[in-house]
Amino acid sequence: MRDVPISEFKTKCFNLVGQAYRTRRLLRITRSGVPVAVLVPLGHRLRPKFLLGDMVGTAKIVGDIVSPVVALKKLDADRD
């Protein structure tokens, strides 16, 4: 989170809002060093959803994904 004096925020408002949206970081606005407001970018909620590939990079594979988790047992019908 970045602190910005209110006087700087008043002069550079448009650029600071755009920067917060691009970097997805909070911006704390201060008056005489005391926080008075926090600018929170909306971020991913306004991003368009895609049918394929929307969740790319959101999961991590840990371990073996090929072998079964539990040993398979024969069914009673297969024994006869």
Protein backbone atom coordinates (compact mmCIF):
# COMPACT_ATOMS: atom_id res chain seq x y z
CA MET A 1 0.00 0.00 0.00
CA ARG A 2 1.37 3.38 -1.00
CA ASP A 3 0.76 6.59 0.98
CA VAL A 4 -0.06 9.75 -0.97
CA PRO A 5 -0.66 13.20 0.56
CA ILE A 6 -4.08 14.61 -0.23
CA SER A 7 -2.55 17.63 -1.98
CA GLU A 8 -0.69 15.32 -4.40
CA PHE A 9 -3.83 13.23 -4.90
CA LYS A 10 -5.80 16.37 -5.85
CA THR A 11 -3.29 17.35 -8.52
CA LYS A 12 -2.59 13.86 -9.91
CA CYS A 13 -5.95 12.15 -9.28
CA PHE A 14 -6.48 10.76 -12.80
CA ASN A 15 -2.96 9.32 -13.06
CA LEU A 16 -3.02 7.83 -9.54
CA VAL A 17 -6.38 6.11 -10.13
CA GLY A 18 -5.07 4.63 -13.38
CA GLN A 19 -1.88 3.46 -11.70
CA ALA A 20 -3.82 1.81 -8.87
CA TYR A 21 -6.01 -0.01 -11.39
CA ARG A 22 -3.04 -1.25 -13.45
CA THR A 23 -0.94 -2.39 -10.49
CA ARG A 24 -3.92 -3.64 -8.43
CA ARG A 25 -2.44 -2.04 -5.31
CA LEU A 26 -4.22 -0.03 -2.64
CA LEU A 27 -3.54 3.69 -2.37
CA ARG A 28 -3.83 5.33 1.07
CA ILE A 29 -4.58 9.06 1.03
CA THR A 30 -3.25 11.03 3.99
CA ARG A 31 -3.79 14.49 5.41
CA SER A 32 -0.90 15.73 7.58
CA GLY A 33 0.37 12.13 7.75
CA VAL A 34 -2.95 10.75 9.04
CA PRO A 35 -4.80 8.29 6.75
CA VAL A 36 -8.19 9.68 5.67
CA ALA A 37 -9.15 7.41 2.76
CA VAL A 38 -8.11 4.30 0.87
CA LEU A 39 -8.46 3.93 -2.91
CA VAL A 40 -9.26 0.29 -3.74
CA PRO A 41 -9.07 -0.75 -7.42
CA LEU A 42 -11.94 -2.90 -8.64
CA GLY A 43 -9.53 -5.16 -10.50
CA HIS A 44 -10.57 -8.56 -11.72
CA ARG A 45 -14.33 -8.17 -11.09
CA LEU A 46 -14.77 -6.04 -14.20
CA ARG A 47 -12.54 -8.24 -16.34
CA PRO A 48 -14.44 -10.07 -19.10
CA LYS A 49 -14.84 -13.82 -18.62
CA PHE A 50 -13.71 -16.23 -21.30
CA LEU A 51 -15.00 -19.75 -21.84
CA LEU A 52 -11.59 -21.34 -22.37
CA GLY A 53 -8.44 -20.43 -20.49
CA ASP A 54 -10.03 -18.14 -17.91
CA MET A 55 -8.41 -19.96 -14.99
CA VAL A 56 -4.94 -20.38 -16.50
CA GLY A 57 -2.31 -20.02 -13.80
CA THR A 58 -4.71 -20.35 -10.85
CA ALA A 59 -3.88 -23.97 -9.92
CA LYS A 60 -0.72 -25.78 -8.98
CA ILE A 61 -0.11 -29.49 -9.57
CA VAL A 62 1.51 -31.15 -6.57
CA GLY A 63 2.55 -34.78 -6.84
CA ASP A 64 1.58 -37.54 -9.26
CA ILE A 65 -1.55 -36.89 -11.35
CA VAL A 66 -1.44 -40.14 -13.37
CA SER A 67 -1.69 -42.98 -10.85
CA PRO A 68 -4.95 -43.59 -8.96
CA VAL A 69 -5.35 -42.25 -5.45
CA VAL A 70 -6.63 -45.52 -3.95
CA ALA A 71 -5.99 -49.11 -4.96
CA LEU A 72 -8.79 -50.51 -7.13
CA LYS A 73 -10.64 -53.57 -5.85
CA LYS A 74 -12.38 -56.14 -8.00
CA LEU A 75 -16.14 -56.05 -7.93
CA ASP A 76 -18.05 -59.11 -6.66
CA ALA A 77 -19.48 -59.67 -10.15
CA ASP A 78 -15.98 -59.91 -11.63
CA ARG A 79 -14.97 -62.67 -9.18
CA ASP A 80 -17.44 -65.18 -10.58
